[in-house]
Amino acid sequence: MRIPGYWRNTQFFYRLAGWKCVHCGAFHHYKPVVCKRCGSREFAQAELPSSGKLITYTIVRSPPRGFELFAPYAIGLIELEDGTRILSQLTDFKENELKDEIKVEAVFRRVRINGDQGIIEYGYKFRPALRRS
């Protein structure tokens, strides 16, 4: 990502937020020029729900560069309460506790440490829901 784009979107990095197309409702993490679904140019800021259910998951045992120290770790496809689907890392699960359709909620956690500079990068992950709804 280019530096101007990074700074324009920092308000969305640490929240489940982005842009929804005014015409068709498609969600975009970054404000696009045109909607990927309908071609509209009209968008409104949108906050996503912080809970949903785990649709499916996988265990990453051969991670990409920069994530070697964290393997194995779980990545899941989450369907939020409003129907939006996102990929996210899963946390606070033991491998035998992972199962489809379990209720999950977003939490703010460390994602990784930038090796050369030692900068700690944070973001959201999903854990088993603590609230009963």
C-alpha atoms as a PDB file:
ATOM      1  CA  MET A   1       0.000   0.000   0.000  1.00  0.00           C
ATOM      2  CA  ARG A   2       1.241   3.486  -0.767  1.00  0.00           C
ATOM      3  CA  ILE A   3       1.819   5.919   2.100  1.00  0.00           C
ATOM      4  CA  PRO A   4      -1.101   8.299   1.264  1.00  0.00           C
ATOM      5  CA  GLY A   5      -3.508   5.348   1.091  1.00  0.00           C
ATOM      6  CA  TYR A   6      -2.195   4.027   4.392  1.00  0.00           C
ATOM      7  CA  TRP A   7      -2.849   7.306   6.208  1.00  0.00           C
ATOM      8  CA  ARG A   8      -6.298   7.758   4.630  1.00  0.00           C
ATOM      9  CA  ASN A   9      -7.349   4.371   5.977  1.00  0.00           C
ATOM     10  CA  THR A  10      -5.734   4.272   9.446  1.00  0.00           C
ATOM     11  CA  GLN A  11      -9.099   4.881  11.125  1.00  0.00           C
ATOM     12  CA  PHE A  12     -10.199   1.433   9.872  1.00  0.00           C
ATOM     13  CA  PHE A  13      -7.089  -0.618  10.718  1.00  0.00           C
ATOM     14  CA  TYR A  14      -7.971  -1.404  14.310  1.00  0.00           C
ATOM     15  CA  ARG A  15     -11.750  -1.599  14.010  1.00  0.00           C
ATOM     16  CA  LEU A  16     -14.188  -3.761  12.126  1.00  0.00           C
ATOM     17  CA  ALA A  17     -15.142  -0.877   9.887  1.00  0.00           C
ATOM     18  CA  GLY A  18     -15.042   0.107   6.259  1.00  0.00           C
ATOM     19  CA  TRP A  19     -17.327   1.292   3.478  1.00  0.00           C
ATOM     20  CA  LYS A  20     -20.684  -0.005   2.239  1.00  0.00           C
ATOM     21  CA  CYS A  21     -22.046   0.745  -1.202  1.00  0.00           C
ATOM     22  CA  VAL A  22     -25.146   2.934  -0.896  1.00  0.00           C
ATOM     23  CA  HIS A  23     -26.799   1.149  -3.840  1.00  0.00           C
ATOM     24  CA  CYS A  24     -26.173  -2.578  -3.311  1.00  0.00           C
ATOM     25  CA  GLY A  25     -24.782  -2.835   0.244  1.00  0.00           C
ATOM     26  CA  ALA A  26     -21.479  -4.509  -0.715  1.00  0.00           C
ATOM     27  CA  PHE A  27     -18.835  -4.082   2.000  1.00  0.00           C
ATOM     28  CA  HIS A  28     -15.330  -2.791   1.149  1.00  0.00           C
ATOM     29  CA  HIS A  29     -12.439  -2.621   3.631  1.00  0.00           C
ATOM     30  CA  TYR A  30     -11.070   0.448   1.844  1.00  0.00           C
ATOM     31  CA  LYS A  31     -13.030   3.132   0.046  1.00  0.00           C
ATOM     32  CA  PRO A  32     -12.865   2.101  -3.608  1.00  0.00           C
ATOM     33  CA  VAL A  33     -13.333   4.303  -6.631  1.00  0.00           C
ATOM     34  CA  VAL A  34     -16.232   2.096  -7.804  1.00  0.00           C
ATOM     35  CA  CYS A  35     -18.195  -0.699  -6.123  1.00  0.00           C
ATOM     36  CA  LYS A  36     -16.848  -4.155  -7.020  1.00  0.00           C
ATOM     37  CA  ARG A  37     -20.402  -5.510  -7.238  1.00  0.00           C
ATOM     38  CA  CYS A  38     -22.517  -2.821  -8.970  1.00  0.00           C
ATOM     39  CA  GLY A  39     -20.133  -0.093 -10.199  1.00  0.00           C
ATOM     40  CA  SER A  40     -21.640   2.662  -8.028  1.00  0.00           C
ATOM     41  CA  ARG A  41     -19.449   5.507  -6.779  1.00  0.00           C
ATOM     42  CA  GLU A  42     -21.474   6.243  -3.632  1.00  0.00           C
ATOM     43  CA  PHE A  43     -20.321   4.837  -0.275  1.00  0.00           C
ATOM     44  CA  ALA A  44     -21.106   5.331   3.405  1.00  0.00           C
ATOM     45  CA  GLN A  45     -18.875   4.498   6.368  1.00  0.00           C
ATOM     46  CA  ALA A  46     -19.979   1.291   8.070  1.00  0.00           C
ATOM     47  CA  GLU A  47     -19.170  -0.378  11.376  1.00  0.00           C
ATOM     48  CA  LEU A  48     -19.392  -4.169  11.282  1.00  0.00           C
ATOM     49  CA  PRO A  49     -20.787  -6.288  14.125  1.00  0.00           C
ATOM     50  CA  SER A  50     -18.111  -7.690  16.449  1.00  0.00           C
ATOM     51  CA  SER A  51     -19.639 -11.150  16.728  1.00  0.00           C
ATOM     52  CA  GLY A  52     -20.790 -13.935  14.472  1.00  0.00           C
ATOM     53  CA  LYS A  53     -20.131 -17.601  13.780  1.00  0.00           C
ATOM     54  CA  LEU A  54     -17.235 -19.618  12.448  1.00  0.00           C
ATOM     55  CA  ILE A  55     -18.118 -20.983   9.003  1.00  0.00           C
ATOM     56  CA  THR A  56     -14.945 -22.983   8.411  1.00  0.00           C
ATOM     57  CA  TYR A  57     -11.271 -22.898   9.399  1.00  0.00           C
ATOM     58  CA  THR A  58      -7.820 -24.224   8.638  1.00  0.00           C
ATOM     59  CA  ILE A  59      -4.653 -24.696  10.656  1.00  0.00           C
ATOM     60  CA  VAL A  60      -1.595 -22.974   9.140  1.00  0.00           C
ATOM     61  CA  ARG A  61       1.468 -25.149   9.707  1.00  0.00           C
ATOM     62  CA  SER A  62       3.670 -23.692   6.921  1.00  0.00           C
ATOM     63  CA  PRO A  63       3.246 -19.922   7.410  1.00  0.00           C
ATOM     64  CA  PRO A  64       4.322 -17.086   5.137  1.00  0.00           C
ATOM     65  CA  ARG A  65       7.509 -15.155   5.832  1.00  0.00           C
ATOM     66  CA  GLY A  66       7.260 -13.106   9.020  1.00  0.00           C
ATOM     67  CA  PHE A  67       4.828 -15.494  10.729  1.00  0.00           C
ATOM     68  CA  GLU A  68       7.098 -18.531  11.193  1.00  0.00           C
ATOM     69  CA  LEU A  69       7.306 -18.121  14.973  1.00  0.00           C
ATOM     70  CA  PHE A  70       3.523 -18.227  15.345  1.00  0.00           C
ATOM     71  CA  ALA A  71       2.886 -21.546  13.588  1.00  0.00           C
ATOM     72  CA  PRO A  72       0.756 -23.494  13.965  1.00  0.00           C
ATOM     73  CA  TYR A  73      -2.155 -21.040  14.070  1.00  0.00           C
ATOM     74  CA  ALA A  74      -5.773 -21.076  12.948  1.00  0.00           C
ATOM     75  CA  ILE A  75      -7.443 -18.933  10.298  1.00  0.00           C
ATOM     76  CA  GLY A  76     -11.213 -18.897   9.964  1.00  0.00           C
ATOM     77  CA  LEU A  77     -13.976 -17.673   7.700  1.00  0.00           C
ATOM     78  CA  ILE A  78     -16.323 -15.723   9.978  1.00  0.00           C
ATOM     79  CA  GLU A  79     -19.903 -14.803   9.134  1.00  0.00           C
ATOM     80  CA  LEU A  80     -20.773 -11.702  11.142  1.00  0.00           C
ATOM     81  CA  GLU A  81     -24.261 -11.060  12.504  1.00  0.00           C
ATOM     82  CA  ASP A  82     -25.130  -8.893   9.486  1.00  0.00           C
ATOM     83  CA  GLY A  83     -24.115 -11.619   6.998  1.00  0.00           C
ATOM     84  CA  THR A  84     -20.740 -10.081   6.041  1.00  0.00           C
ATOM     85  CA  ARG A  85     -18.016 -12.722   5.734  1.00  0.00           C
ATOM     86  CA  ILE A  86     -14.393 -12.033   6.623  1.00  0.00           C
ATOM     87  CA  LEU A  87     -11.193 -14.033   7.080  1.00  0.00           C
ATOM     88  CA  SER A  88      -9.471 -13.658  10.412  1.00  0.00           C
ATOM     89  CA  GLN A  89      -6.957 -15.352  12.639  1.00  0.00           C
ATOM     90  CA  LEU A  90      -8.531 -17.316  15.499  1.00  0.00           C
ATOM     91  CA  THR A  91      -7.275 -17.076  19.079  1.00  0.00           C
ATOM     92  CA  ASP A  92      -7.972 -18.606  22.500  1.00  0.00           C
ATOM     93  CA  PHE A  93      -8.942 -21.944  20.926  1.00  0.00           C
ATOM     94  CA  LYS A  94      -7.307 -25.299  21.458  1.00  0.00           C
ATOM     95  CA  GLU A  95      -7.154 -27.174  18.165  1.00  0.00           C
ATOM     96  CA  ASN A  96      -9.680 -29.792  19.345  1.00  0.00           C
ATOM     97  CA  GLU A  97     -12.173 -27.014  20.266  1.00  0.00           C
ATOM     98  CA  LEU A  98     -12.441 -25.685  16.721  1.00  0.00           C
ATOM     99  CA  LYS A  99     -15.689 -26.580  14.987  1.00  0.00           C
ATOM    100  CA  ASP A 100     -17.925 -25.052  12.359  1.00  0.00           C
ATOM    101  CA  GLU A 101     -20.876 -22.903  13.493  1.00  0.00           C
ATOM    102  CA  ILE A 102     -19.361 -22.015  16.901  1.00  0.00           C
ATOM    103  CA  LYS A 103     -20.171 -18.454  18.040  1.00  0.00           C
ATOM    104  CA  VAL A 104     -17.169 -16.095  17.991  1.00  0.00           C
ATOM    105  CA  GLU A 105     -16.388 -12.482  18.898  1.00  0.00           C
ATOM    106  CA  ALA A 106     -13.706 -10.012  17.846  1.00  0.00           C
ATOM    107  CA  VAL A 107     -10.832  -9.138  20.166  1.00  0.00           C
ATOM    108  CA  PHE A 108      -7.876  -6.784  19.732  1.00  0.00           C
ATOM    109  CA  ARG A 109      -4.593  -8.704  19.877  1.00  0.00           C
ATOM    110  CA  ARG A 110      -0.960  -8.659  18.814  1.00  0.00           C
ATOM    111  CA  VAL A 111      -0.613  -9.937  15.254  1.00  0.00           C
ATOM    112  CA  ARG A 112       3.164  -9.980  14.945  1.00  0.00           C
ATOM    113  CA  ILE A 113       6.415  -8.186  15.724  1.00  0.00           C
ATOM    114  CA  ASN A 114       8.219  -6.556  12.792  1.00  0.00           C
ATOM    115  CA  GLY A 115      11.596  -8.287  13.035  1.00  0.00           C
ATOM    116  CA  ASP A 116      13.958  -5.554  11.871  1.00  0.00           C
ATOM    117  CA  GLN A 117      12.390  -2.645  13.709  1.00  0.00           C
ATOM    118  CA  GLY A 118      10.729  -4.479  16.611  1.00  0.00           C
ATOM    119  CA  ILE A 119       7.424  -2.703  15.962  1.00  0.00           C
ATOM    120  CA  ILE A 120       4.494  -4.598  17.480  1.00  0.00           C
ATOM    121  CA  GLU A 121       1.582  -4.811  15.052  1.00  0.00           C
ATOM    122  CA  TYR A 122      -1.946  -5.206  16.419  1.00  0.00           C
ATOM    123  CA  GLY A 123      -5.251  -6.112  14.847  1.00  0.00           C
ATOM    124  CA  TYR A 124      -8.454  -8.004  15.448  1.00  0.00           C
ATOM    125  CA  LYS A 125      -8.744 -11.762  15.848  1.00  0.00           C
ATOM    126  CA  PHE A 126     -11.747 -13.885  16.801  1.00  0.00           C
ATOM    127  CA  ARG A 127     -12.156 -16.038  19.911  1.00  0.00           C
ATOM    128  CA  PRO A 128     -14.991 -18.193  21.259  1.00  0.00           C
ATOM    129  CA  ALA A 129     -17.852 -15.914  22.307  1.00  0.00           C
ATOM    130  CA  LEU A 130     -17.944 -15.236  26.037  1.00  0.00           C
ATOM    131  CA  ARG A 131     -21.369 -13.576  25.888  1.00  0.00           C
ATOM    132  CA  ARG A 132     -24.370 -15.809  25.624  1.00  0.00           C
ATOM    133  CA  SER A 133     -27.020 -14.404  23.284  1.00  0.00           C
END
